[in-house]
Structures are given as C-alpha cells and as structure tokens.
N, C-alpha and C. Protein backbone atom coordinates (compact mmCIF):
# COMPACT_ATOMS: atom_id res chain seq x y z
N MET A 1 -30.05 10.43 13.12
CA MET A 1 -30.63 10.21 11.79
C MET A 1 -30.45 10.89 10.83
N GLN A 2 -30.18 10.02 9.26
CA GLN A 2 -29.73 10.64 8.44
C GLN A 2 -30.72 12.21 8.01
N SER A 3 -30.16 13.07 7.41
CA SER A 3 -31.01 14.28 6.98
C SER A 3 -31.63 14.00 5.48
N ASP A 4 -31.30 13.45 4.61
CA ASP A 4 -32.19 12.83 3.37
C ASP A 4 -32.95 12.10 3.62
N PRO A 5 -34.21 11.72 2.81
CA PRO A 5 -34.90 10.70 3.10
C PRO A 5 -34.19 9.36 2.70
N VAL A 6 -34.50 8.61 2.99
CA VAL A 6 -34.16 7.23 2.15
C VAL A 6 -35.55 7.47 0.91
N ARG A 7 -35.15 6.90 -0.14
CA ARG A 7 -36.26 6.65 -1.53
C ARG A 7 -35.84 5.14 -1.81
N LEU A 8 -37.36 4.53 -2.01
CA LEU A 8 -37.26 3.43 -2.51
C LEU A 8 -38.28 3.38 -3.91
N LEU A 9 -37.72 2.62 -4.59
CA LEU A 9 -38.23 2.19 -5.90
C LEU A 9 -38.85 1.04 -6.17
N ILE A 10 -40.36 0.69 -5.91
CA ILE A 10 -40.61 -0.72 -5.65
C ILE A 10 -41.04 -1.12 -7.27
N CYS A 11 -40.38 -2.35 -7.79
CA CYS A 11 -40.81 -2.52 -9.46
C CYS A 11 -41.24 -3.92 -9.14
N ARG A 12 -42.18 -3.86 -9.97
CA ARG A 12 -42.54 -5.31 -10.67
C ARG A 12 -41.83 -5.85 -11.70
N HIS A 13 -41.59 -7.06 -11.77
CA HIS A 13 -40.96 -7.27 -13.19
C HIS A 13 -41.47 -7.56 -14.03
N ALA A 14 -40.60 -7.32 -15.26
CA ALA A 14 -41.31 -6.59 -16.86
C ALA A 14 -42.02 -8.34 -17.16
N LYS A 15 -42.62 -7.85 -18.19
CA LYS A 15 -43.61 -9.29 -18.68
C LYS A 15 -42.80 -10.67 -18.83
N SER A 16 -43.31 -11.51 -18.01
CA SER A 16 -42.62 -12.91 -18.42
C SER A 16 -43.65 -13.75 -19.55
N SER A 17 -42.66 -14.52 -20.16
CA SER A 17 -43.17 -15.64 -21.11
C SER A 17 -43.62 -16.69 -20.67
N TRP A 18 -44.82 -17.04 -21.36
CA TRP A 18 -45.28 -18.51 -20.64
C TRP A 18 -45.35 -19.45 -22.05
N GLN A 19 -44.32 -19.26 -23.07
CA GLN A 19 -44.19 -19.99 -24.29
C GLN A 19 -43.73 -21.09 -24.08
N ASP A 20 -42.90 -21.30 -23.13
CA ASP A 20 -42.51 -22.82 -22.93
C ASP A 20 -42.92 -23.40 -21.72
N ALA A 21 -44.13 -24.18 -21.80
CA ALA A 21 -44.67 -24.69 -20.70
C ALA A 21 -43.96 -25.87 -19.51
N SER A 22 -42.88 -26.04 -19.80
CA SER A 22 -42.04 -27.16 -19.40
C SER A 22 -41.12 -26.11 -18.20
N LEU A 23 -41.10 -25.17 -18.43
CA LEU A 23 -40.31 -24.26 -17.47
C LEU A 23 -41.20 -24.24 -15.98
N ASN A 24 -40.31 -24.16 -14.61
CA ASN A 24 -40.78 -23.87 -13.52
C ASN A 24 -41.03 -22.07 -13.47
N ASP A 25 -41.88 -22.04 -12.59
CA ASP A 25 -42.01 -20.51 -12.41
C ASP A 25 -40.74 -19.70 -11.89
N PHE A 26 -39.94 -20.13 -11.77
CA PHE A 26 -38.74 -19.86 -11.08
C PHE A 26 -37.96 -19.40 -12.56
N ASP A 27 -37.87 -20.06 -13.36
CA ASP A 27 -37.23 -20.17 -14.64
C ASP A 27 -37.74 -19.25 -15.75
N ARG A 28 -38.96 -18.77 -15.57
CA ARG A 28 -39.73 -18.05 -17.09
C ARG A 28 -38.54 -16.65 -17.27
N PRO A 29 -38.60 -16.91 -18.48
CA PRO A 29 -37.71 -15.75 -18.78
C PRO A 29 -38.92 -14.28 -19.15
N LEU A 30 -37.99 -13.46 -19.93
CA LEU A 30 -39.26 -12.20 -20.25
C LEU A 30 -39.71 -12.38 -21.94
N SER A 31 -40.75 -11.89 -21.86
CA SER A 31 -41.77 -11.93 -23.14
C SER A 31 -40.76 -10.88 -23.92
N LYS A 32 -41.43 -10.82 -25.43
CA LYS A 32 -40.82 -9.62 -26.13
C LYS A 32 -41.06 -8.33 -25.47
N ARG A 33 -42.42 -8.50 -24.99
CA ARG A 33 -42.82 -7.04 -24.66
C ARG A 33 -42.19 -6.87 -23.23
N GLY A 34 -41.56 -7.89 -22.58
CA GLY A 34 -40.60 -7.62 -21.10
C GLY A 34 -39.45 -6.91 -21.88
N GLU A 35 -39.21 -7.21 -22.61
CA GLU A 35 -37.76 -6.64 -23.00
C GLU A 35 -37.75 -5.38 -23.56
N ARG A 36 -39.01 -5.20 -23.96
CA ARG A 36 -39.13 -3.90 -24.81
C ARG A 36 -39.26 -2.94 -23.59
N ASP A 37 -40.32 -3.41 -22.79
CA ASP A 37 -40.80 -2.46 -21.66
C ASP A 37 -39.80 -2.15 -20.44
N ALA A 38 -39.12 -2.88 -20.17
CA ALA A 38 -38.25 -2.85 -19.05
C ALA A 38 -37.28 -1.60 -19.17
N PRO A 39 -36.39 -1.75 -20.74
CA PRO A 39 -35.46 -1.00 -20.77
C PRO A 39 -36.20 0.74 -21.38
N GLU A 40 -37.23 0.84 -21.36
CA GLU A 40 -38.08 2.25 -21.85
C GLU A 40 -38.42 2.76 -20.12
N MET A 41 -38.95 1.97 -19.33
CA MET A 41 -38.82 2.23 -17.89
C MET A 41 -37.67 2.80 -17.21
N GLY A 42 -36.64 1.92 -17.77
CA GLY A 42 -35.18 2.37 -17.11
C GLY A 42 -34.98 3.71 -17.73
N ARG A 43 -35.32 3.72 -19.09
CA ARG A 43 -35.09 5.54 -19.73
C ARG A 43 -35.81 6.37 -18.99
N ARG A 44 -36.81 5.90 -18.47
CA ARG A 44 -37.42 7.31 -18.04
C ARG A 44 -37.19 7.35 -16.76
N LEU A 45 -36.72 6.40 -15.72
CA LEU A 45 -35.92 6.67 -14.53
C LEU A 45 -34.76 7.90 -14.95
N ALA A 46 -34.14 7.50 -15.53
CA ALA A 46 -32.34 7.98 -16.31
C ALA A 46 -33.07 9.69 -16.45
N ARG A 47 -34.64 9.65 -17.23
CA ARG A 47 -34.47 11.36 -17.80
C ARG A 47 -35.12 11.80 -16.23
N GLN A 48 -35.34 11.02 -15.07
CA GLN A 48 -35.97 11.99 -14.08
C GLN A 48 -34.67 12.11 -12.86
N GLY A 49 -33.46 11.58 -13.51
CA GLY A 49 -32.20 11.61 -12.95
C GLY A 49 -32.20 10.96 -11.50
N LEU A 50 -33.16 9.63 -11.63
CA LEU A 50 -33.27 8.55 -10.74
C LEU A 50 -32.60 7.48 -11.01
N LYS A 51 -31.23 7.37 -10.08
CA LYS A 51 -30.15 6.45 -10.21
C LYS A 51 -29.96 5.63 -8.75
N PRO A 52 -30.65 4.72 -8.69
CA PRO A 52 -30.61 4.30 -7.15
C PRO A 52 -28.96 3.64 -6.65
N ASP A 53 -28.87 3.74 -5.45
CA ASP A 53 -27.28 2.98 -5.30
C ASP A 53 -27.47 1.92 -5.35
N LEU A 54 -28.43 1.23 -5.25
CA LEU A 54 -28.47 -0.81 -5.17
C LEU A 54 -29.24 -0.79 -5.73
N ILE A 55 -29.55 -2.09 -6.44
CA ILE A 55 -30.78 -2.72 -7.25
C ILE A 55 -30.86 -3.89 -6.17
N MET A 56 -31.69 -4.22 -5.48
CA MET A 56 -32.15 -5.86 -4.82
C MET A 56 -33.30 -6.29 -5.67
N THR A 57 -32.94 -7.82 -6.28
CA THR A 57 -33.84 -8.44 -7.04
C THR A 57 -34.42 -9.53 -6.56
N SER A 58 -35.32 -10.28 -6.72
CA SER A 58 -35.76 -11.74 -6.90
C SER A 58 -34.55 -12.32 -7.73
N PRO A 59 -34.10 -13.92 -7.29
CA PRO A 59 -33.17 -14.51 -8.43
C PRO A 59 -34.27 -15.20 -9.21
N ALA A 60 -35.36 -14.89 -9.28
CA ALA A 60 -36.57 -15.26 -10.46
C ALA A 60 -35.58 -14.69 -11.81
N ALA A 61 -35.69 -15.80 -12.82
CA ALA A 61 -34.86 -15.23 -14.40
C ALA A 61 -35.50 -13.89 -14.59
N ARG A 62 -37.05 -13.73 -14.66
CA ARG A 62 -37.67 -12.84 -14.90
C ARG A 62 -37.43 -11.53 -14.31
N ALA A 63 -37.31 -11.42 -13.18
CA ALA A 63 -37.05 -10.25 -12.15
C ALA A 63 -35.59 -10.05 -12.40
N ARG A 64 -34.40 -11.19 -12.24
CA ARG A 64 -33.29 -10.92 -12.62
C ARG A 64 -32.83 -9.92 -14.11
N ALA A 65 -33.77 -10.48 -15.23
CA ALA A 65 -33.39 -10.04 -16.30
C ALA A 65 -34.26 -8.62 -16.31
N THR A 66 -35.18 -7.79 -15.68
CA THR A 66 -35.63 -6.90 -15.32
C THR A 66 -34.70 -5.71 -14.76
N ALA A 67 -34.31 -6.25 -13.60
CA ALA A 67 -33.29 -5.64 -12.68
C ALA A 67 -31.92 -5.20 -13.87
N LEU A 68 -31.43 -6.34 -14.59
CA LEU A 68 -30.02 -5.77 -15.28
C LEU A 68 -30.83 -4.97 -16.70
N LEU A 69 -31.88 -5.11 -16.74
CA LEU A 69 -32.02 -4.10 -18.19
C LEU A 69 -32.60 -2.73 -17.62
N TYR A 70 -32.86 -2.39 -16.42
CA TYR A 70 -33.07 -1.33 -15.38
C TYR A 70 -31.62 -0.50 -15.29
N ALA A 71 -30.80 -1.36 -14.85
CA ALA A 71 -29.74 -1.36 -14.58
C ALA A 71 -28.46 -0.61 -15.70
N GLY A 72 -28.78 -1.30 -16.81
CA GLY A 72 -27.95 -0.89 -18.38
C GLY A 72 -28.43 0.44 -18.55
N GLN A 73 -29.88 0.94 -18.19
CA GLN A 73 -30.37 2.25 -18.93
C GLN A 73 -30.16 3.47 -17.80
N LEU A 74 -29.65 2.92 -16.33
CA LEU A 74 -29.45 3.85 -15.72
C LEU A 74 -27.58 3.74 -15.41
N GLY A 75 -27.10 3.36 -16.05
CA GLY A 75 -25.50 2.88 -16.07
C GLY A 75 -25.27 2.55 -14.62
N ILE A 76 -25.99 1.74 -14.21
CA ILE A 76 -25.63 0.90 -13.01
C ILE A 76 -24.85 -0.19 -13.36
N LEU A 77 -23.90 -0.35 -12.84
CA LEU A 77 -22.72 -1.69 -12.82
C LEU A 77 -23.47 -2.98 -12.44
N PRO A 78 -23.07 -3.97 -13.18
CA PRO A 78 -23.69 -5.64 -12.53
C PRO A 78 -23.46 -5.60 -11.39
N ALA A 79 -22.10 -5.10 -10.52
CA ALA A 79 -21.82 -5.34 -9.22
C ALA A 79 -22.73 -4.83 -8.23
N GLN A 80 -24.16 -3.67 -8.72
CA GLN A 80 -24.33 -3.02 -7.68
C GLN A 80 -25.71 -3.66 -7.70
N VAL A 81 -26.10 -4.43 -8.51
CA VAL A 81 -27.91 -5.32 -9.02
C VAL A 81 -27.26 -6.98 -7.76
N GLN A 82 -28.05 -6.79 -6.75
CA GLN A 82 -27.83 -7.82 -5.85
C GLN A 82 -29.06 -8.83 -6.02
N CYS A 83 -28.82 -10.23 -6.10
CA CYS A 83 -29.95 -11.19 -5.92
C CYS A 83 -30.36 -11.57 -4.47
N ASN A 84 -31.17 -11.33 -4.45
CA ASN A 84 -31.50 -11.57 -2.92
C ASN A 84 -32.73 -13.01 -2.90
N GLN A 85 -32.53 -14.07 -2.54
CA GLN A 85 -33.32 -15.51 -2.65
C GLN A 85 -34.64 -15.01 -2.00
N ALA A 86 -34.24 -14.32 -0.56
CA ALA A 86 -35.38 -14.03 0.64
C ALA A 86 -36.50 -13.28 -0.37
N GLN A 87 -36.12 -12.48 -1.41
CA GLN A 87 -36.95 -12.10 -2.23
C GLN A 87 -38.21 -12.47 -2.86
N TYR A 88 -37.80 -14.03 -3.40
CA TYR A 88 -38.87 -14.66 -4.43
C TYR A 88 -39.68 -15.53 -3.06
N GLY A 89 -40.89 -15.04 -3.28
CA GLY A 89 -41.77 -15.63 -2.56
C GLY A 89 -42.23 -15.24 -1.09
N ALA A 90 -41.47 -13.85 -0.86
CA ALA A 90 -41.24 -13.45 0.34
C ALA A 90 -42.87 -12.27 0.42
N SER A 91 -43.28 -12.50 1.97
CA SER A 91 -44.53 -11.72 1.96
C SER A 91 -44.04 -10.27 2.32
N VAL A 92 -45.03 -9.43 2.15
CA VAL A 92 -45.36 -8.11 2.74
C VAL A 92 -44.27 -7.59 4.02
N PRO A 93 -44.71 -8.51 5.12
CA PRO A 93 -44.17 -8.46 6.42
C PRO A 93 -42.33 -8.68 6.02
N GLY A 94 -42.33 -9.74 5.15
CA GLY A 94 -40.75 -10.18 4.92
C GLY A 94 -39.97 -9.33 4.11
N LEU A 95 -40.59 -8.54 2.98
CA LEU A 95 -39.91 -7.75 2.46
C LEU A 95 -39.65 -6.55 3.06
N ILE A 96 -40.19 -6.30 4.35
CA ILE A 96 -39.98 -4.96 4.64
C ILE A 96 -39.01 -5.16 5.97
N ALA A 97 -38.67 -6.40 6.58
CA ALA A 97 -37.75 -7.05 7.56
C ALA A 97 -36.43 -7.16 6.81
N LEU A 98 -36.44 -7.38 5.34
CA LEU A 98 -35.54 -7.09 4.33
C LEU A 98 -34.93 -6.09 4.04
N LEU A 99 -36.11 -4.95 4.17
CA LEU A 99 -35.59 -3.65 3.65
C LEU A 99 -34.61 -2.86 5.04
N ARG A 100 -35.20 -3.24 6.03
CA ARG A 100 -34.83 -2.98 7.31
C ARG A 100 -33.30 -3.14 7.42
N LEU A 101 -33.00 -4.12 6.87
CA LEU A 101 -31.42 -4.90 7.11
C LEU A 101 -30.29 -4.13 6.20
N VAL A 102 -30.98 -3.04 4.95
CA VAL A 102 -30.13 -2.70 4.48
C VAL A 102 -29.52 -1.41 4.38
N ASP A 103 -28.10 -1.64 4.38
CA ASP A 103 -26.63 -0.83 4.90
C ASP A 103 -27.35 0.91 4.88
N PRO A 104 -27.04 1.48 5.90
CA PRO A 104 -27.63 2.89 5.87
C PRO A 104 -26.54 3.48 5.10
N GLN A 105 -25.51 3.11 4.34
CA GLN A 105 -25.47 4.13 3.31
C GLN A 105 -25.60 4.08 2.03
N VAL A 106 -26.73 3.32 1.80
CA VAL A 106 -27.57 3.40 0.60
C VAL A 106 -28.85 4.13 0.73
N GLY A 107 -28.64 5.17 -0.16
CA GLY A 107 -29.57 6.32 0.22
C GLY A 107 -31.03 6.17 -0.63
N SER A 108 -30.36 5.47 -1.70
CA SER A 108 -31.83 5.04 -2.45
C SER A 108 -31.77 3.48 -3.32
N LEU A 109 -32.92 3.13 -2.95
CA LEU A 109 -32.84 1.47 -3.42
C LEU A 109 -33.98 1.08 -4.41
N MET A 110 -33.57 0.23 -5.55
CA MET A 110 -34.62 -0.43 -6.03
C MET A 110 -34.96 -1.80 -5.83
N LEU A 111 -36.01 -2.10 -5.81
CA LEU A 111 -36.57 -3.45 -5.15
C LEU A 111 -37.22 -3.78 -6.15
N VAL A 112 -36.65 -4.78 -7.12
CA VAL A 112 -37.06 -5.75 -8.48
C VAL A 112 -37.60 -7.08 -7.96
N GLY A 113 -39.50 -7.15 -7.86
CA GLY A 113 -40.02 -8.56 -7.34
C GLY A 113 -41.23 -8.63 -8.09
N HIS A 114 -42.22 -9.39 -7.46
CA HIS A 114 -43.30 -10.21 -7.75
C HIS A 114 -44.77 -9.56 -7.39
N ASN A 115 -45.92 -9.51 -8.03
CA ASN A 115 -46.88 -9.30 -7.56
C ASN A 115 -47.65 -10.50 -7.15
N PRO A 116 -48.22 -10.51 -5.92
CA PRO A 116 -49.12 -9.41 -5.28
C PRO A 116 -48.06 -8.41 -4.56
N GLU A 117 -46.74 -9.11 -3.92
CA GLU A 117 -46.22 -8.44 -3.03
C GLU A 117 -45.57 -6.90 -3.39
N THR A 118 -45.16 -6.48 -4.32
CA THR A 118 -45.02 -5.59 -5.05
C THR A 118 -45.81 -4.41 -4.70
N THR A 119 -47.21 -4.74 -5.00
CA THR A 119 -48.40 -3.84 -4.78
C THR A 119 -49.07 -4.04 -3.51
N GLY A 120 -49.01 -4.87 -2.68
CA GLY A 120 -48.84 -4.94 -1.35
C GLY A 120 -47.57 -4.16 -0.71
N LEU A 121 -46.67 -4.30 -0.81
CA LEU A 121 -45.52 -3.17 -0.10
C LEU A 121 -45.85 -1.75 -0.02
N ALA A 122 -45.87 -1.38 -1.73
CA ALA A 122 -46.03 -0.19 -1.90
C ALA A 122 -47.32 0.31 -1.07
N ASN A 123 -48.35 -0.52 -1.06
CA ASN A 123 -49.77 -0.03 -0.47
C ASN A 123 -49.31 0.09 1.18
N VAL A 124 -48.88 -0.75 1.89
CA VAL A 124 -48.32 -0.60 3.44
C VAL A 124 -47.76 0.26 3.36
N LEU A 125 -46.57 0.35 2.99
CA LEU A 125 -44.98 1.70 3.07
C LEU A 125 -45.77 2.99 3.02
N GLY A 126 -46.77 3.45 1.74
CA GLY A 126 -46.85 4.53 1.55
C GLY A 126 -48.59 5.00 2.01
N GLY A 127 -49.03 3.60 2.54
CA GLY A 127 -50.54 4.01 2.49
C GLY A 127 -51.43 4.38 1.44
N LEU A 128 -51.27 3.76 0.29
CA LEU A 128 -51.62 3.86 -1.18
C LEU A 128 -52.82 2.83 -1.60
N ARG A 129 -53.76 3.10 -2.36
CA ARG A 129 -54.90 2.20 -2.58
C ARG A 129 -54.29 1.67 -4.27
N ILE A 130 -53.33 1.37 -4.36
CA ILE A 130 -53.15 1.03 -5.85
C ILE A 130 -53.82 -0.78 -5.76
N ASP A 131 -54.29 -1.05 -6.83
CA ASP A 131 -55.12 -2.25 -7.21
C ASP A 131 -53.98 -3.02 -7.42
N ASN A 132 -53.44 -2.65 -8.77
CA ASN A 132 -52.26 -3.25 -9.42
C ASN A 132 -51.12 -2.89 -9.45
N ILE A 133 -49.84 -3.20 -9.50
CA ILE A 133 -48.75 -2.31 -10.29
C ILE A 133 -48.63 -2.98 -11.59
N PRO A 134 -48.64 -2.67 -12.63
CA PRO A 134 -48.79 -3.88 -13.87
C PRO A 134 -47.33 -4.19 -14.07
N THR A 135 -46.87 -5.39 -15.06
CA THR A 135 -45.34 -5.46 -15.36
C THR A 135 -44.90 -4.41 -15.79
N SER A 136 -43.88 -4.61 -15.25
CA SER A 136 -42.81 -3.11 -15.47
C SER A 136 -42.96 -1.75 -14.95
N GLY A 137 -43.86 -1.99 -13.69
CA GLY A 137 -44.44 -0.50 -13.07
C GLY A 137 -43.57 -0.57 -11.92
N ILE A 138 -43.51 1.04 -11.46
CA ILE A 138 -42.61 1.19 -10.37
C ILE A 138 -43.01 2.33 -9.98
N VAL A 139 -43.03 1.97 -8.40
CA VAL A 139 -43.85 3.19 -7.41
C VAL A 139 -42.56 3.54 -6.36
N ALA A 140 -42.65 4.94 -6.43
CA ALA A 140 -41.34 5.67 -5.73
C ALA A 140 -41.75 5.92 -4.57
N LEU A 141 -41.27 5.86 -3.68
CA LEU A 141 -41.79 6.70 -2.12
C LEU A 141 -40.27 7.05 -1.65
N ALA A 142 -40.61 8.19 -0.76
CA ALA A 142 -39.62 8.81 0.03
C ALA A 142 -39.89 8.67 1.36
N PHE A 143 -38.97 8.55 2.03
CA PHE A 143 -39.40 8.15 3.86
C PHE A 143 -38.51 9.36 4.52
N PRO A 144 -39.10 10.52 4.29
CA PRO A 144 -38.61 11.72 5.42
C PRO A 144 -38.33 11.17 6.77
N GLY A 145 -36.90 11.62 7.34
CA GLY A 145 -36.82 11.58 8.52
C GLY A 145 -36.99 9.83 9.21
N ARG A 146 -36.51 8.94 8.01
CA ARG A 146 -36.55 7.88 8.49
C ARG A 146 -35.04 7.05 7.67
N THR A 147 -35.24 6.10 8.18
CA THR A 147 -33.66 5.23 8.03
C THR A 147 -34.24 3.85 7.37
N TRP A 148 -33.45 2.96 6.83
CA TRP A 148 -34.10 1.66 6.59
C TRP A 148 -34.51 1.09 7.88
N ALA A 149 -33.33 0.98 8.78
CA ALA A 149 -34.07 0.21 9.75
C ALA A 149 -35.49 0.46 10.39
N THR A 150 -36.06 2.08 10.01
CA THR A 150 -37.16 2.72 10.69
C THR A 150 -38.15 2.45 10.26
N LEU A 151 -38.05 1.54 8.89
CA LEU A 151 -39.27 1.93 7.93
C LEU A 151 -40.59 1.01 8.44
N ALA A 152 -41.50 1.96 8.42
CA ALA A 152 -42.94 1.38 9.22
C ALA A 152 -43.95 1.48 7.90
N ALA A 153 -45.22 0.99 8.23
CA ALA A 153 -46.22 1.32 7.71
C ALA A 153 -47.05 2.92 7.60
N ASN A 154 -46.83 3.23 6.15
CA ASN A 154 -47.68 4.50 6.05
C ASN A 154 -47.01 5.71 6.50
N THR A 155 -45.58 5.40 6.64
CA THR A 155 -44.41 6.68 6.55
C THR A 155 -43.84 7.22 4.99
N GLY A 156 -44.24 6.51 4.32
CA GLY A 156 -43.99 6.73 2.54
C GLY A 156 -44.54 7.86 2.09
N THR A 157 -43.96 8.94 1.49
CA THR A 157 -44.39 9.60 0.24
C THR A 157 -44.21 9.43 -0.98
N LEU A 158 -45.53 9.43 -1.65
CA LEU A 158 -45.39 8.84 -3.05
C LEU A 158 -44.98 9.92 -3.82
N LEU A 159 -43.79 9.59 -4.69
CA LEU A 159 -43.12 10.78 -5.60
C LEU A 159 -43.85 10.20 -6.94
N PHE A 160 -44.00 9.13 -7.26
CA PHE A 160 -44.69 8.64 -8.48
C PHE A 160 -45.09 7.45 -8.46
N PHE A 161 -45.75 7.09 -9.72
CA PHE A 161 -46.03 5.82 -9.93
C PHE A 161 -46.28 5.65 -11.71
N ASP A 162 -45.61 4.96 -11.88
CA ASP A 162 -45.38 5.12 -13.23
C ASP A 162 -45.45 3.49 -13.91
N TYR A 163 -45.68 3.15 -14.78
CA TYR A 163 -46.05 1.99 -15.61
C TYR A 163 -45.80 2.16 -17.20
N PRO A 164 -45.69 1.02 -18.24
CA PRO A 164 -45.48 1.29 -19.32
C PRO A 164 -46.47 1.83 -20.20
N LYS A 165 -47.54 1.40 -20.05
CA LYS A 165 -48.75 1.51 -20.54
C LYS A 165 -49.64 3.34 -20.11
N SER A 166 -48.85 3.89 -19.35
CA SER A 166 -49.28 5.19 -18.68
C SER A 166 -48.89 6.21 -19.55
N GLN A 167 -48.20 5.86 -20.43
CA GLN A 167 -47.56 6.51 -21.86
C GLN A 167 -47.26 5.82 -22.86
N ASP A 168 -47.18 6.72 -24.18
CA ASP A 168 -47.07 5.78 -25.19
C ASP A 168 -46.05 5.89 -25.59
N TYR A 169 -45.14 5.01 -25.82
CA TYR A 169 -43.60 5.49 -26.34
C TYR A 169 -43.55 4.49 -27.66
C-alpha cells in the first residue's frame, strides 16, 4: 500500500447557460457566471497548493469547459485533462467503479461532473451530509491508507468544501 493518502477533488461543473433552448443537455455551454466562477475556484485551489495529477471530466460541454478553466488556473496541461464518456449520466456506484480503475501512480485526482451524482459521491465516500454541491463547488477528500482500487464508502476524510458564494471575490 502507498504511504501517502490518495486525494480526490469532487467538482460540480460551473453554471451552464440555458439561453439557447434548441441545444440538448450534453451541448449546453457555460453561462457568463460559470465562466467567471470556474477560474476563481481554480485560483483558490492554486493558493492552497492543490494541483491534481489528473483531471477526469464528463465530456458534456459545460463540464469539459469547467475542467479546462480549472486546469488553466492550476498550470495543468490539456493532456492531463481526460474526457471520460462513462462520467456523463453515471450513478454513484458507477463513479466509484470508475475511480477504482485510476492508475495507482495518480496521487491526486480532480473529478468534474454533474449533480446529483457529485453530491452523492461526496456524501457516500466521505460519510458527509451535504445537501447540494453548488455549481463550481469542490469537495476535497483524502483517503489515508487507501489506493484508488480500495476506495469504499465512508473512508474519506473531508479536507474542505468550497464553492463560489462561500467567499466574496
């Protein structure tokens, strides 16, 4: 077993736009607020020195855009941002199964996705009672003595829960 805990940043995509009613859910872009909030959350992570080894994102337009905005603020190359079809519409058990397949060399991972799954995942893995992760919100969990392959319910330790309206910027 690895000595350092694996760290998981569970992120809900930034606020999406509903301006074009002809777009399907998958293709909805970020709203102006989303384009403002995601970089701010990336800057907050950078100030804390949190730079994930890998970002895995749903391929939906709003999630991909959010992941790339975080990456830009954290100095992460686009090659370290991996679109994963299985994340779009995945259940919490499906997301846990996906996380268990992460390369053991990845010590910290950012997962960018959708609600209600992001909130459910944080609650299940961390034994938390968060009602709702707001758009651009991030829950950070550490899993002492665990590897990705051994992730299980109630084994994560909450490092922080942050979202744009938690602070004025």
